Amino acid sequence: MDLYLPIANISVNALVIIGLGGLVGLLSGMFGVGGGFLTTPLLIFYGIPPTVAAASAATQVTGASVSGVFAHVRRDGVDFHMGGVLVVGGILGSLAGAGIFRLLQDSGQIDTAIALLYVLLLGTIGGMMAREAWTSIVAMKTGAPLAVRKRRHHPLVAALPLRWRFYRSGLYISPLAPLILGFLTGILTVILGVGGGFIMVPAMLYLLGMTTQVVVGTSLFQILFVTIAATMVHATTTKAVDIVLAGLLLIGSVTGAQYGARFAQKMKPEYLRLMLAVMVLLVAVRMAVGLGWRPDEIYTVALQ
C-alpha cells in the first residue's frame, strides 16, 4: 500500500509507517516515554530525510501526549505553576532552535548534526539507564540494599537568584532553573523532533528535586505545548512537517501504546528499564555506524 509523502517527496508503504508508529507506541506504553527519540532514527533508517523525520516526529509526539496529560490532570499529578515556567522556556527554546535549524540547513550540515546529536544523547542516556537498571537487578538478585537518594535540588539551582514557591512540587527555588531547562528542551524538540521527556524527567528529579508524584504529569504538560510550538515553528519556517507522515505515525502509536501498557504490567520495572536501555544503545550504535560507514556508491541517480 504505497502512499506519496508530499513534503518528504518520496513514496512509502503506509503499513510500514503505521507499523513503525505502532512499535514506538508499544515502547511508549511499556516504558512510559514519549518515544520521539526513537521515532526520528527509525524514520531515518527507513529512508525519510532527517529534516522531515525530525519535524514530523514532533507533530506525532504532540498527538500522543494529549491523553497522557488528561490522565495525569485527573489524578492531580500536574504542577501547573512549574509547568507554565517550563512551557515559557520551551517556547523560547523552540524559536532559538528554529534559528539553529535553519542555519544548519542553509550550511548543508543539518543531517549530520541530527545524527551526531542522537549518537551523543542516546549513547549517554542509554549508558546511564543500563548502569542503573543493572545495579537494581544485581541488588534484587543478591538482596543487597540500594542506596537511597535524598531528594534535594542541585547546588547550582540553589545558587540562582529570585525564588518562587512551587507548592505542588514542594520546592522553593529560582524560576530561572526550570526556565533554562525548558529552553534547552525546546531547542532539542525543534532540532531532533523529540518531546524531551527522556531528558526532562531525570533533570526534574535530580536537578530541580521535584516530587515523583508530579514529575511525569508536569513533563507531559510541558511536552504537549512545546511540541505544538515546535510544530508551528517548523510549519512556518523550515516547511518540513509532513502531515501525512505524522498522521500515519499517530495511528500506529495510539494503538501500540494500549498494548504496551498491558504488557508492562506483566514485567518487573528493572527488566523493562534494562530492555529500554539496550534498545536506546542499539539505535545509537546504528546511527554511529551510519555516520562512519562509507557506501559503495556515494552518489546515485534513479530514473523513474
C-alpha atoms as a PDB file:
ATOM      1  CA  MET A   1       0.000   0.000   0.000  1.00  0.00           C
ATOM      2  CA  ASP A   2       2.215   2.799  -1.315  1.00  0.00           C
ATOM      3  CA  LEU A   3       1.485   6.386  -0.335  1.00  0.00           C
ATOM      4  CA  TYR A   4       3.188   9.566  -1.523  1.00  0.00           C
ATOM      5  CA  LEU A   5       4.533  11.918   1.139  1.00  0.00           C
ATOM      6  CA  PRO A   6       4.316  15.444  -0.311  1.00  0.00           C
ATOM      7  CA  ILE A   7       6.933  17.081   1.929  1.00  0.00           C
ATOM      8  CA  ALA A   8       9.374  14.172   2.112  1.00  0.00           C
ATOM      9  CA  ASN A   9       8.896  13.836  -1.667  1.00  0.00           C
ATOM     10  CA  ILE A  10       9.052  10.031  -1.619  1.00  0.00           C
ATOM     11  CA  SER A  11       6.601   7.138  -1.749  1.00  0.00           C
ATOM     12  CA  VAL A  12       6.382   4.869   1.279  1.00  0.00           C
ATOM     13  CA  ASN A  13       4.469   1.799   2.322  1.00  0.00           C
ATOM     14  CA  ALA A  14       1.730   3.171   4.578  1.00  0.00           C
ATOM     15  CA  LEU A  15       1.508  -0.074   6.541  1.00  0.00           C
ATOM     16  CA  VAL A  16       5.245   0.058   7.314  1.00  0.00           C
ATOM     17  CA  ILE A  17       4.954   3.621   8.640  1.00  0.00           C
ATOM     18  CA  ILE A  18       1.930   2.656  10.745  1.00  0.00           C
ATOM     19  CA  GLY A  19       3.936  -0.339  11.957  1.00  0.00           C
ATOM     20  CA  LEU A  20       6.842   1.917  12.952  1.00  0.00           C
ATOM     21  CA  GLY A  21       4.402   4.140  14.835  1.00  0.00           C
ATOM     22  CA  GLY A  22       2.927   1.062  16.476  1.00  0.00           C
ATOM     23  CA  LEU A  23       6.392  -0.126  17.560  1.00  0.00           C
ATOM     24  CA  VAL A  24       7.177   3.275  19.100  1.00  0.00           C
ATOM     25  CA  GLY A  25       3.747   3.346  20.745  1.00  0.00           C
ATOM     26  CA  LEU A  26       4.354  -0.137  22.137  1.00  0.00           C
ATOM     27  CA  LEU A  27       7.647   1.039  23.643  1.00  0.00           C
ATOM     28  CA  SER A  28       5.950   4.199  24.949  1.00  0.00           C
ATOM     29  CA  GLY A  29       3.287   2.191  26.712  1.00  0.00           C
ATOM     30  CA  MET A  30       5.826  -0.266  28.121  1.00  0.00           C
ATOM     31  CA  PHE A  31       8.447   2.201  29.328  1.00  0.00           C
ATOM     32  CA  GLY A  32       6.493   5.412  29.948  1.00  0.00           C
ATOM     33  CA  VAL A  33       8.444   7.530  27.443  1.00  0.00           C
ATOM     34  CA  GLY A  34       7.171   9.731  24.650  1.00  0.00           C
ATOM     35  CA  GLY A  35       9.017   7.721  22.025  1.00  0.00           C
ATOM     36  CA  GLY A  36      10.091  10.690  19.908  1.00  0.00           C
ATOM     37  CA  PHE A  37      13.758   9.859  20.465  1.00  0.00           C
ATOM     38  CA  LEU A  38      13.163   6.527  18.706  1.00  0.00           C
ATOM     39  CA  THR A  39      10.698   7.726  16.053  1.00  0.00           C
ATOM     40  CA  THR A  40      13.161  10.021  14.270  1.00  0.00           C
ATOM     41  CA  PRO A  41      16.022   7.466  13.990  1.00  0.00           C
ATOM     42  CA  LEU A  42      13.637   4.739  12.789  1.00  0.00           C
ATOM     43  CA  LEU A  43      12.232   7.046  10.105  1.00  0.00           C
ATOM     44  CA  ILE A  44      15.770   7.951   9.011  1.00  0.00           C
ATOM     45  CA  PHE A  45      16.665   4.249   8.788  1.00  0.00           C
ATOM     46  CA  TYR A  46      13.598   3.738   6.578  1.00  0.00           C
ATOM     47  CA  GLY A  47      14.747   6.459   4.189  1.00  0.00           C
ATOM     48  CA  ILE A  48      12.840   9.562   5.298  1.00  0.00           C
ATOM     49  CA  PRO A  49      15.024  12.724   5.061  1.00  0.00           C
ATOM     50  CA  PRO A  50      16.272  13.646   8.575  1.00  0.00           C
ATOM     51  CA  THR A  51      14.771  17.151   8.434  1.00  0.00           C
ATOM     52  CA  VAL A  52      11.290  15.813   7.622  1.00  0.00           C
ATOM     53  CA  ALA A  53      11.666  12.962  10.128  1.00  0.00           C
ATOM     54  CA  ALA A  54      12.511  15.362  12.972  1.00  0.00           C
ATOM     55  CA  ALA A  55       9.751  17.865  12.159  1.00  0.00           C
ATOM     56  CA  SER A  56       7.044  15.221  11.658  1.00  0.00           C
ATOM     57  CA  ALA A  57       8.058  13.262  14.779  1.00  0.00           C
ATOM     58  CA  ALA A  58       7.437  16.377  16.883  1.00  0.00           C
ATOM     59  CA  THR A  59       3.901  16.530  15.459  1.00  0.00           C
ATOM     60  CA  GLN A  60       3.334  12.874  16.307  1.00  0.00           C
ATOM     61  CA  VAL A  61       4.572  13.393  19.879  1.00  0.00           C
ATOM     62  CA  THR A  62       2.019  16.204  20.303  1.00  0.00           C
ATOM     63  CA  GLY A  63      -0.883  13.918  19.488  1.00  0.00           C
ATOM     64  CA  ALA A  64       0.459  11.080  21.621  1.00  0.00           C
ATOM     65  CA  SER A  65       0.868  13.374  24.675  1.00  0.00           C
ATOM     66  CA  VAL A  66      -2.739  14.610  24.848  1.00  0.00           C
ATOM     67  CA  SER A  67      -4.277  11.548  26.501  1.00  0.00           C
ATOM     68  CA  GLY A  68      -1.373  11.274  28.942  1.00  0.00           C
ATOM     69  CA  VAL A  69      -1.786  14.877  30.109  1.00  0.00           C
ATOM     70  CA  PHE A  70      -5.529  14.469  30.747  1.00  0.00           C
ATOM     71  CA  ALA A  71      -4.914  11.243  32.679  1.00  0.00           C
ATOM     72  CA  HIS A  72      -2.408  12.949  34.996  1.00  0.00           C
ATOM     73  CA  VAL A  73      -4.613  16.031  35.421  1.00  0.00           C
ATOM     74  CA  ARG A  74      -7.430  13.788  36.684  1.00  0.00           C
ATOM     75  CA  ARG A  75      -5.014  12.311  39.251  1.00  0.00           C
ATOM     76  CA  ASP A  76      -3.800  15.787  40.310  1.00  0.00           C
ATOM     77  CA  GLY A  77      -0.353  14.866  39.022  1.00  0.00           C
ATOM     78  CA  VAL A  78       0.490  18.139  37.254  1.00  0.00           C
ATOM     79  CA  ASP A  79       2.208  21.171  38.787  1.00  0.00           C
ATOM     80  CA  PHE A  80       0.726  23.874  36.552  1.00  0.00           C
ATOM     81  CA  HIS A  81       2.890  26.599  38.113  1.00  0.00           C
ATOM     82  CA  MET A  82       6.103  24.706  37.337  1.00  0.00           C
ATOM     83  CA  GLY A  83       4.703  23.548  34.005  1.00  0.00           C
ATOM     84  CA  GLY A  84       3.937  27.135  32.969  1.00  0.00           C
ATOM     85  CA  VAL A  85       7.548  28.203  33.566  1.00  0.00           C
ATOM     86  CA  LEU A  86       8.812  25.167  31.638  1.00  0.00           C
ATOM     87  CA  VAL A  87       6.442  25.931  28.755  1.00  0.00           C
ATOM     88  CA  VAL A  88       7.633  29.562  28.512  1.00  0.00           C
ATOM     89  CA  GLY A  89      11.233  28.372  28.424  1.00  0.00           C
ATOM     90  CA  GLY A  90      10.343  25.675  25.891  1.00  0.00           C
ATOM     91  CA  ILE A  91       8.616  28.112  23.521  1.00  0.00           C
ATOM     92  CA  LEU A  92      11.601  30.472  23.666  1.00  0.00           C
ATOM     93  CA  GLY A  93      13.865  27.481  23.059  1.00  0.00           C
ATOM     94  CA  SER A  94      11.736  26.437  20.073  1.00  0.00           C
ATOM     95  CA  LEU A  95      12.265  29.822  18.459  1.00  0.00           C
ATOM     96  CA  ALA A  96      16.011  29.633  19.113  1.00  0.00           C
ATOM     97  CA  GLY A  97      16.069  26.038  17.861  1.00  0.00           C
ATOM     98  CA  ALA A  98      14.370  27.089  14.628  1.00  0.00           C
ATOM     99  CA  GLY A  99      17.151  29.613  14.016  1.00  0.00           C
ATOM    100  CA  ILE A 100      19.814  26.960  14.647  1.00  0.00           C
ATOM    101  CA  PHE A 101      17.907  24.513  12.435  1.00  0.00           C
ATOM    102  CA  ARG A 102      17.746  26.960   9.534  1.00  0.00           C
ATOM    103  CA  LEU A 103      21.426  27.865   9.979  1.00  0.00           C
ATOM    104  CA  LEU A 104      22.461  24.209   9.808  1.00  0.00           C
ATOM    105  CA  GLN A 105      20.040  23.627   6.934  1.00  0.00           C
ATOM    106  CA  ASP A 106      21.487  26.506   4.908  1.00  0.00           C
ATOM    107  CA  SER A 107      25.035  25.245   5.541  1.00  0.00           C
ATOM    108  CA  GLY A 108      24.084  21.733   4.417  1.00  0.00           C
ATOM    109  CA  GLN A 109      25.041  20.169   7.768  1.00  0.00           C
ATOM    110  CA  ILE A 110      21.613  19.541   9.291  1.00  0.00           C
ATOM    111  CA  ASP A 111      21.554  15.791   8.542  1.00  0.00           C
ATOM    112  CA  THR A 112      24.998  15.273  10.096  1.00  0.00           C
ATOM    113  CA  ALA A 113      24.127  17.450  13.109  1.00  0.00           C
ATOM    114  CA  ILE A 114      20.929  15.473  13.806  1.00  0.00           C
ATOM    115  CA  ALA A 115      22.791  12.162  13.602  1.00  0.00           C
ATOM    116  CA  LEU A 116      25.649  13.356  15.840  1.00  0.00           C
ATOM    117  CA  LEU A 117      23.284  14.731  18.476  1.00  0.00           C
ATOM    118  CA  TYR A 118      21.343  11.479  18.517  1.00  0.00           C
ATOM    119  CA  VAL A 119      24.511   9.414  18.922  1.00  0.00           C
ATOM    120  CA  LEU A 120      25.701  11.588  21.825  1.00  0.00           C
ATOM    121  CA  LEU A 121      22.333  11.835  23.579  1.00  0.00           C
ATOM    122  CA  LEU A 122      21.192   8.243  23.110  1.00  0.00           C
ATOM    123  CA  GLY A 123      24.637   6.876  23.952  1.00  0.00           C
ATOM    124  CA  THR A 124      24.820   8.898  27.174  1.00  0.00           C
ATOM    125  CA  ILE A 125      21.235   8.327  28.301  1.00  0.00           C
ATOM    126  CA  GLY A 126      21.298   4.651  27.320  1.00  0.00           C
ATOM    127  CA  GLY A 127      24.552   4.063  29.204  1.00  0.00           C
ATOM    128  CA  MET A 128      23.225   5.720  32.362  1.00  0.00           C
ATOM    129  CA  MET A 129      19.946   3.799  32.182  1.00  0.00           C
ATOM    130  CA  ALA A 130      21.741   0.495  31.597  1.00  0.00           C
ATOM    131  CA  ARG A 131      24.007   1.072  34.588  1.00  0.00           C
ATOM    132  CA  GLU A 132      21.116   1.976  36.880  1.00  0.00           C
ATOM    133  CA  ALA A 133      18.977  -0.952  35.706  1.00  0.00           C
ATOM    134  CA  TRP A 134      21.829  -3.459  36.034  1.00  0.00           C
ATOM    135  CA  THR A 135      22.623  -2.216  39.560  1.00  0.00           C
ATOM    136  CA  SER A 136      18.966  -2.646  40.523  1.00  0.00           C
ATOM    137  CA  ILE A 137      18.809  -6.169  39.072  1.00  0.00           C
ATOM    138  CA  VAL A 138      22.007  -7.239  40.861  1.00  0.00           C
ATOM    139  CA  ALA A 139      20.706  -5.795  44.143  1.00  0.00           C
ATOM    140  CA  MET A 140      17.402  -7.616  43.634  1.00  0.00           C
ATOM    141  CA  LYS A 141      19.169 -10.934  42.978  1.00  0.00           C
ATOM    142  CA  THR A 142      21.636 -10.668  45.872  1.00  0.00           C
ATOM    143  CA  GLY A 143      19.347  -8.949  48.343  1.00  0.00           C
ATOM    144  CA  ALA A 144      21.784  -6.074  48.834  1.00  0.00           C
ATOM    145  CA  PRO A 145      20.101  -2.754  49.748  1.00  0.00           C
ATOM    146  CA  LEU A 146      20.185   0.077  47.208  1.00  0.00           C
ATOM    147  CA  ALA A 147      21.488   3.468  48.258  1.00  0.00           C
ATOM    148  CA  VAL A 148      18.528   5.811  48.761  1.00  0.00           C
ATOM    149  CA  ARG A 149      18.994   9.168  47.071  1.00  0.00           C
ATOM    150  CA  LYS A 150      17.916  12.115  49.175  1.00  0.00           C
ATOM    151  CA  ARG A 151      15.533  14.407  47.296  1.00  0.00           C
ATOM    152  CA  ARG A 152      17.299  17.742  47.106  1.00  0.00           C
ATOM    153  CA  HIS A 153      17.841  20.177  44.264  1.00  0.00           C
ATOM    154  CA  HIS A 154      21.299  20.647  42.795  1.00  0.00           C
ATOM    155  CA  PRO A 155      23.647  23.224  44.418  1.00  0.00           C
ATOM    156  CA  LEU A 156      23.736  25.189  41.141  1.00  0.00           C
ATOM    157  CA  VAL A 157      19.953  25.521  41.287  1.00  0.00           C
ATOM    158  CA  ALA A 158      20.148  26.679  44.900  1.00  0.00           C
ATOM    159  CA  ALA A 159      22.664  29.386  43.919  1.00  0.00           C
ATOM    160  CA  LEU A 160      20.361  31.055  41.366  1.00  0.00           C
ATOM    161  CA  PRO A 161      18.747  34.394  42.369  1.00  0.00           C
ATOM    162  CA  LEU A 162      14.988  35.019  42.817  1.00  0.00           C
ATOM    163  CA  ARG A 163      12.936  32.302  44.435  1.00  0.00           C
ATOM    164  CA  TRP A 164       9.353  31.208  43.926  1.00  0.00           C
ATOM    165  CA  ARG A 165       7.303  28.658  45.785  1.00  0.00           C
ATOM    166  CA  PHE A 166       6.130  25.726  43.683  1.00  0.00           C
ATOM    167  CA  TYR A 167       3.676  24.241  46.178  1.00  0.00           C
ATOM    168  CA  ARG A 168       2.630  21.154  44.209  1.00  0.00           C
ATOM    169  CA  SER A 169       6.282  20.180  43.645  1.00  0.00           C
ATOM    170  CA  GLY A 170       7.278  21.020  47.201  1.00  0.00           C
ATOM    171  CA  LEU A 171      10.012  23.418  46.069  1.00  0.00           C
ATOM    172  CA  TYR A 172      11.259  26.903  46.887  1.00  0.00           C
ATOM    173  CA  ILE A 173      13.713  27.612  44.064  1.00  0.00           C
ATOM    174  CA  SER A 174      14.543  30.189  41.417  1.00  0.00           C
ATOM    175  CA  PRO A 175      12.240  30.102  38.356  1.00  0.00           C
ATOM    176  CA  LEU A 176      15.380  30.546  36.239  1.00  0.00           C
ATOM    177  CA  ALA A 177      16.234  26.858  36.727  1.00  0.00           C
ATOM    178  CA  PRO A 178      13.054  25.418  35.096  1.00  0.00           C
ATOM    179  CA  LEU A 179      13.126  28.273  32.553  1.00  0.00           C
ATOM    180  CA  ILE A 180      16.632  27.258  31.401  1.00  0.00           C
ATOM    181  CA  LEU A 181      15.687  23.559  31.438  1.00  0.00           C
ATOM    182  CA  GLY A 182      12.615  24.268  29.303  1.00  0.00           C
ATOM    183  CA  PHE A 183      14.687  26.434  26.946  1.00  0.00           C
ATOM    184  CA  LEU A 184      17.229  23.664  26.306  1.00  0.00           C
ATOM    185  CA  THR A 185      14.465  21.097  25.829  1.00  0.00           C
ATOM    186  CA  GLY A 186      12.723  23.403  23.330  1.00  0.00           C
ATOM    187  CA  ILE A 187      15.899  23.584  21.232  1.00  0.00           C
ATOM    188  CA  LEU A 188      16.175  19.776  21.201  1.00  0.00           C
ATOM    189  CA  THR A 189      12.474  19.448  20.317  1.00  0.00           C
ATOM    190  CA  VAL A 190      12.887  21.513  17.146  1.00  0.00           C
ATOM    191  CA  ILE A 191      16.211  20.042  16.028  1.00  0.00           C
ATOM    192  CA  LEU A 192      15.611  16.386  16.900  1.00  0.00           C
ATOM    193  CA  GLY A 193      11.815  16.071  16.917  1.00  0.00           C
ATOM    194  CA  VAL A 194      11.774  14.684  20.465  1.00  0.00           C
ATOM    195  CA  GLY A 195       9.433  15.544  23.287  1.00  0.00           C
ATOM    196  CA  GLY A 196      12.396  15.663  25.629  1.00  0.00           C
ATOM    197  CA  GLY A 197      10.854  13.524  28.364  1.00  0.00           C
ATOM    198  CA  PHE A 198      13.853  11.179  28.498  1.00  0.00           C
ATOM    199  CA  ILE A 199      15.967  14.220  29.472  1.00  0.00           C
ATOM    200  CA  MET A 200      13.310  16.278  31.236  1.00  0.00           C
ATOM    201  CA  VAL A 201      12.216  13.642  33.773  1.00  0.00           C
ATOM    202  CA  PRO A 202      15.708  12.860  35.188  1.00  0.00           C
ATOM    203  CA  ALA A 203      16.532  16.596  35.252  1.00  0.00           C
ATOM    204  CA  MET A 204      13.334  17.415  37.137  1.00  0.00           C
ATOM    205  CA  LEU A 205      14.087  14.687  39.675  1.00  0.00           C
ATOM    206  CA  TYR A 206      17.814  15.109  40.214  1.00  0.00           C
ATOM    207  CA  LEU A 207      18.442  18.773  39.350  1.00  0.00           C
ATOM    208  CA  LEU A 208      15.236  20.501  40.451  1.00  0.00           C
ATOM    209  CA  GLY A 209      14.367  17.968  43.158  1.00  0.00           C
ATOM    210  CA  MET A 210      10.669  17.672  42.305  1.00  0.00           C
ATOM    211  CA  THR A 211       8.428  15.080  43.943  1.00  0.00           C
ATOM    212  CA  THR A 212       7.924  11.914  41.911  1.00  0.00           C
ATOM    213  CA  GLN A 213       4.120  12.287  42.070  1.00  0.00           C
ATOM    214  CA  VAL A 214       4.099  15.262  39.686  1.00  0.00           C
ATOM    215  CA  VAL A 215       7.216  14.721  37.559  1.00  0.00           C
ATOM    216  CA  VAL A 216       5.714  12.664  34.727  1.00  0.00           C
ATOM    217  CA  GLY A 217       2.480  14.683  34.500  1.00  0.00           C
ATOM    218  CA  THR A 218       4.296  18.032  34.538  1.00  0.00           C
ATOM    219  CA  SER A 219       6.778  16.756  31.939  1.00  0.00           C
ATOM    220  CA  LEU A 220       3.930  15.677  29.627  1.00  0.00           C
ATOM    221  CA  PHE A 221       2.203  19.047  30.161  1.00  0.00           C
ATOM    222  CA  GLN A 222       5.376  20.833  29.021  1.00  0.00           C
ATOM    223  CA  ILE A 223       5.930  18.406  26.135  1.00  0.00           C
ATOM    224  CA  LEU A 224       2.380  18.944  24.835  1.00  0.00           C
ATOM    225  CA  PHE A 225       2.672  22.712  24.491  1.00  0.00           C
ATOM    226  CA  VAL A 226       6.309  22.807  23.399  1.00  0.00           C
ATOM    227  CA  THR A 227       5.801  20.226  20.637  1.00  0.00           C
ATOM    228  CA  ILE A 228       2.794  22.271  19.456  1.00  0.00           C
ATOM    229  CA  ALA A 229       5.064  25.323  19.316  1.00  0.00           C
ATOM    230  CA  ALA A 230       7.818  23.316  17.600  1.00  0.00           C
ATOM    231  CA  THR A 231       5.349  22.034  15.005  1.00  0.00           C
ATOM    232  CA  MET A 232       4.131  25.569  14.267  1.00  0.00           C
ATOM    233  CA  VAL A 233       7.724  26.821  14.035  1.00  0.00           C
ATOM    234  CA  HIS A 234       8.633  24.044  11.607  1.00  0.00           C
ATOM    235  CA  ALA A 235       5.476  24.582   9.554  1.00  0.00           C
ATOM    236  CA  THR A 236       6.104  28.317   9.165  1.00  0.00           C
ATOM    237  CA  THR A 237       9.912  28.411   8.860  1.00  0.00           C
ATOM    238  CA  THR A 238      11.531  25.146   7.783  1.00  0.00           C
ATOM    239  CA  LYS A 239       8.414  23.852   5.932  1.00  0.00           C
ATOM    240  CA  ALA A 240       9.480  20.317   6.915  1.00  0.00           C
ATOM    241  CA  VAL A 241       6.293  18.980   8.574  1.00  0.00           C
ATOM    242  CA  ASP A 242       4.714  16.160   6.548  1.00  0.00           C
ATOM    243  CA  ILE A 243       1.192  15.880   7.953  1.00  0.00           C
ATOM    244  CA  VAL A 244       0.532  12.641   6.046  1.00  0.00           C
ATOM    245  CA  LEU A 245       3.574  11.024   7.659  1.00  0.00           C
ATOM    246  CA  ALA A 246       2.635  12.351  11.116  1.00  0.00           C
ATOM    247  CA  GLY A 247      -0.923  11.052  10.743  1.00  0.00           C
ATOM    248  CA  LEU A 248       0.231   7.545   9.839  1.00  0.00           C
ATOM    249  CA  LEU A 249       2.627   7.504  12.788  1.00  0.00           C
ATOM    250  CA  LEU A 250      -0.102   8.684  15.155  1.00  0.00           C
ATOM    251  CA  ILE A 251      -2.491   5.919  14.052  1.00  0.00           C
ATOM    252  CA  GLY A 252       0.130   3.304  14.872  1.00  0.00           C
ATOM    253  CA  SER A 253       1.388   4.857  18.108  1.00  0.00           C
ATOM    254  CA  VAL A 254      -2.049   5.275  19.692  1.00  0.00           C
ATOM    255  CA  THR A 255      -2.832   1.603  19.045  1.00  0.00           C
ATOM    256  CA  GLY A 256       0.591   0.339  20.109  1.00  0.00           C
ATOM    257  CA  ALA A 257       0.561   2.273  23.377  1.00  0.00           C
ATOM    258  CA  GLN A 258      -2.508   0.395  24.587  1.00  0.00           C
ATOM    259  CA  TYR A 259      -0.838  -2.998  24.127  1.00  0.00           C
ATOM    260  CA  GLY A 260       2.450  -1.732  25.570  1.00  0.00           C
ATOM    261  CA  ALA A 261       0.768  -0.608  28.787  1.00  0.00           C
ATOM    262  CA  ARG A 262      -0.809  -4.046  29.239  1.00  0.00           C
ATOM    263  CA  PHE A 263       2.475  -5.835  28.543  1.00  0.00           C
ATOM    264  CA  ALA A 264       4.351  -3.612  31.018  1.00  0.00           C
ATOM    265  CA  GLN A 265       2.114  -4.784  33.863  1.00  0.00           C
ATOM    266  CA  LYS A 266       3.444  -8.334  33.435  1.00  0.00           C
ATOM    267  CA  MET A 267       7.158  -7.464  33.746  1.00  0.00           C
ATOM    268  CA  LYS A 268       9.355  -6.166  36.550  1.00  0.00           C
ATOM    269  CA  PRO A 269      10.337  -2.477  36.121  1.00  0.00           C
ATOM    270  CA  GLU A 270      14.070  -3.269  36.456  1.00  0.00           C
ATOM    271  CA  TYR A 271      13.965  -5.548  33.418  1.00  0.00           C
ATOM    272  CA  LEU A 272      11.858  -3.020  31.495  1.00  0.00           C
ATOM    273  CA  ARG A 273      14.465  -0.287  32.109  1.00  0.00           C
ATOM    274  CA  LEU A 274      17.274  -2.618  31.024  1.00  0.00           C
ATOM    275  CA  MET A 275      15.401  -3.528  27.823  1.00  0.00           C
ATOM    276  CA  LEU A 276      14.829   0.134  27.008  1.00  0.00           C
ATOM    277  CA  ALA A 277      18.495   0.952  27.697  1.00  0.00           C
ATOM    278  CA  VAL A 278      19.634  -1.817  25.337  1.00  0.00           C
ATOM    279  CA  MET A 279      17.287  -0.578  22.592  1.00  0.00           C
ATOM    280  CA  VAL A 280      18.488   3.007  23.027  1.00  0.00           C
ATOM    281  CA  LEU A 281      22.139   1.906  22.828  1.00  0.00           C
ATOM    282  CA  LEU A 282      21.462  -0.205  19.722  1.00  0.00           C
ATOM    283  CA  VAL A 283      19.896   2.794  17.969  1.00  0.00           C
ATOM    284  CA  ALA A 284      22.887   4.951  18.978  1.00  0.00           C
ATOM    285  CA  VAL A 285      25.326   2.345  17.599  1.00  0.00           C
ATOM    286  CA  ARG A 286      23.344   2.042  14.355  1.00  0.00           C
ATOM    287  CA  MET A 287      23.403   5.817  13.850  1.00  0.00           C
ATOM    288  CA  ALA A 288      27.133   5.944  14.665  1.00  0.00           C
ATOM    289  CA  VAL A 289      27.782   3.243  12.064  1.00  0.00           C
ATOM    290  CA  GLY A 290      25.750   5.221   9.533  1.00  0.00           C
ATOM    291  CA  LEU A 291      27.943   8.266  10.169  1.00  0.00           C
ATOM    292  CA  GLY A 292      31.217   6.435   9.644  1.00  0.00           C
ATOM    293  CA  TRP A 293      30.360   3.730   7.116  1.00  0.00           C
ATOM    294  CA  ARG A 294      31.387   4.593   3.560  1.00  0.00           C
ATOM    295  CA  PRO A 295      28.855   3.311   0.997  1.00  0.00           C
ATOM    296  CA  ASP A 296      29.964   1.558  -2.200  1.00  0.00           C
ATOM    297  CA  GLU A 297      28.348   4.317  -4.258  1.00  0.00           C
ATOM    298  CA  ILE A 298      28.459   7.800  -2.740  1.00  0.00           C
ATOM    299  CA  TYR A 299      26.109   9.272  -5.333  1.00  0.00           C
ATOM    300  CA  THR A 300      23.204   7.525  -7.031  1.00  0.00           C
ATOM    301  CA  VAL A 301      20.749   8.665  -9.682  1.00  0.00           C
ATOM    302  CA  ALA A 302      17.382   6.914 -10.037  1.00  0.00           C
ATOM    303  CA  LEU A 303      15.245   7.313 -13.154  1.00  0.00           C
ATOM    304  CA  GLN A 304      11.514   6.765 -12.724  1.00  0.00           C
END
